[in-house]
Amino acid sequence: MNYRVALQAVGTHDPDRFHAFATRVLIEAVEGCGIRHWADVEHWDGSSRMTITDLGGESFEVTVSTIRPALTAFLEADPGADLMDLDGYLADEFIQQGLFGLVIYRSEVTHRPRTAHRAR
């Protein structure tokens, strides 16, 4: 492992970095419409806590703790991840994995593909 890769790996355990990513996931879930295809948002504090009700009428409180396992796995798998890599689709998956242990509800919208700029 080279020095740069080692620094990135260590950076995945930075609590400030994790918190920034967690906040972005929760914002994308609500404001990026990540969970809106299967849940109504009953309460949203704007950054770290929400109460949602799924299509079956069951209510859940979602916090950073809910998404911690899925987000941690994401950051460990991609130590160079950028905040802009997160979108509503990933946020939805992280929340469903945290609440249900798997993805139950599928959106008709799919994760945006990574784009590469081509020289013309």
Protein backbone atom coordinates (compact mmCIF):
# COMPACT_ATOMS: atom_id res chain seq x y z
CA MET A 1 0.00 0.00 0.00
CA ASN A 2 1.45 3.33 -0.97
CA TYR A 3 1.48 6.41 1.26
CA ARG A 4 -1.45 8.16 -0.45
CA VAL A 5 -3.71 5.09 -0.22
CA ALA A 6 -2.77 4.67 3.44
CA LEU A 7 -3.69 8.28 4.19
CA GLN A 8 -7.04 7.85 2.47
CA ALA A 9 -7.75 4.69 4.45
CA VAL A 10 -6.98 6.44 7.72
CA GLY A 11 -9.21 9.31 6.64
CA THR A 12 -12.26 7.04 6.46
CA HIS A 13 -12.22 6.85 10.26
CA ASP A 14 -12.16 10.61 10.74
CA PRO A 15 -15.30 11.43 12.75
CA ASP A 16 -15.66 14.86 11.10
CA ARG A 17 -15.48 13.29 7.64
CA PHE A 18 -17.98 10.61 8.62
CA HIS A 19 -20.33 13.23 10.06
CA ALA A 20 -20.15 15.30 6.85
CA PHE A 21 -21.03 12.23 4.78
CA ALA A 22 -23.81 11.19 7.17
CA THR A 23 -25.36 14.65 7.04
CA ARG A 24 -25.22 14.60 3.25
CA VAL A 25 -26.90 11.16 3.14
CA LEU A 26 -29.79 12.31 5.32
CA ILE A 27 -30.24 15.52 3.33
CA GLU A 28 -30.22 13.60 0.03
CA ALA A 29 -32.75 11.13 1.42
CA VAL A 30 -35.26 13.88 2.18
CA GLU A 31 -34.44 16.85 0.01
CA GLY A 32 -32.94 14.85 -2.86
CA CYS A 33 -36.11 12.74 -2.86
CA GLY A 34 -34.21 9.52 -2.11
CA ILE A 35 -36.89 7.97 0.11
CA ARG A 36 -39.95 9.84 -1.13
CA HIS A 37 -41.04 6.93 -3.36
CA TRP A 38 -41.77 4.76 -0.30
CA ALA A 39 -41.96 7.06 2.72
CA ASP A 40 -43.64 10.23 3.90
CA VAL A 41 -41.45 12.49 5.98
CA GLU A 42 -43.35 13.42 9.12
CA HIS A 43 -40.55 15.39 10.79
CA TRP A 44 -37.16 16.54 9.53
CA ASP A 45 -34.72 18.66 11.54
CA GLY A 46 -32.74 19.59 8.43
CA SER A 47 -29.57 17.62 9.10
CA SER A 48 -29.54 14.68 11.50
CA ARG A 49 -32.95 13.31 12.47
CA MET A 50 -36.18 12.46 10.72
CA THR A 51 -39.37 10.57 11.40
CA ILE A 52 -40.81 8.79 8.40
CA THR A 53 -43.84 6.60 7.67
CA ASP A 54 -43.55 3.85 5.06
CA LEU A 55 -46.20 2.68 2.59
CA GLY A 56 -47.50 0.16 5.13
CA GLY A 57 -48.11 2.88 7.73
CA GLU A 58 -45.20 1.97 10.01
CA SER A 59 -43.20 4.88 11.44
CA PHE A 60 -39.45 4.98 11.92
CA GLU A 61 -36.98 7.40 13.41
CA VAL A 62 -33.91 7.74 11.20
CA THR A 63 -30.63 9.14 12.55
CA VAL A 64 -26.94 8.82 11.83
CA SER A 65 -26.97 5.57 13.84
CA THR A 66 -29.44 4.09 11.35
CA ILE A 67 -27.10 4.58 8.40
CA ARG A 68 -23.77 4.04 10.21
CA PRO A 69 -23.13 0.41 9.07
CA ALA A 70 -23.94 1.02 5.39
CA LEU A 71 -22.12 4.35 5.25
CA THR A 72 -19.07 2.94 7.02
CA ALA A 73 -18.91 0.06 4.52
CA PHE A 74 -19.22 2.54 1.64
CA LEU A 75 -16.37 4.72 2.96
CA GLU A 76 -14.13 1.73 3.68
CA ALA A 77 -14.72 0.34 0.17
CA ASP A 78 -13.94 3.72 -1.41
CA PRO A 79 -11.54 5.71 0.81
CA GLY A 80 -11.31 8.42 -1.85
CA ALA A 81 -15.07 8.98 -1.94
CA ASP A 82 -16.20 12.56 -2.30
CA LEU A 83 -19.36 14.10 -0.86
CA MET A 84 -20.56 14.64 -4.41
CA ASP A 85 -20.54 10.85 -4.93
CA LEU A 86 -23.63 10.66 -2.72
CA ASP A 87 -27.06 11.08 -4.26
CA GLY A 88 -30.65 10.32 -3.38
CA TYR A 89 -30.39 6.78 -4.73
CA LEU A 90 -27.48 5.85 -2.44
CA ALA A 91 -29.10 7.64 0.50
CA ASP A 92 -32.24 5.58 -0.05
CA GLU A 93 -30.22 2.35 -0.05
CA PHE A 94 -28.32 3.29 3.12
CA ILE A 95 -31.56 4.07 4.96
CA GLN A 96 -33.35 0.92 3.81
CA GLN A 97 -30.34 -1.22 4.75
CA GLY A 98 -30.29 0.42 8.17
CA LEU A 99 -34.01 0.00 8.79
CA PHE A 100 -34.73 -3.34 7.12
CA GLY A 101 -31.34 -4.99 6.59
CA LEU A 102 -31.87 -4.93 2.81
CA VAL A 103 -33.41 -2.84 0.05
CA ILE A 104 -37.15 -3.52 -0.09
CA TYR A 105 -38.45 -0.60 -2.11
CA ARG A 106 -36.92 0.10 -5.52
CA SER A 107 -37.16 3.47 -7.19
CA GLU A 108 -37.83 3.79 -10.89
CA VAL A 109 -34.97 6.26 -10.92
CA THR A 110 -31.56 4.66 -10.88
CA HIS A 111 -28.24 5.82 -9.49
CA ARG A 112 -26.65 8.44 -11.70
CA PRO A 113 -23.75 6.93 -13.61
CA ARG A 114 -20.29 8.29 -13.08
CA THR A 115 -19.45 10.35 -16.08
CA ALA A 116 -16.17 10.78 -17.80
CA HIS A 117 -15.39 13.87 -19.80
CA ARG A 118 -14.31 13.05 -23.31
CA ALA A 119 -12.12 15.25 -25.46
CA ARG A 120 -13.95 16.39 -28.55
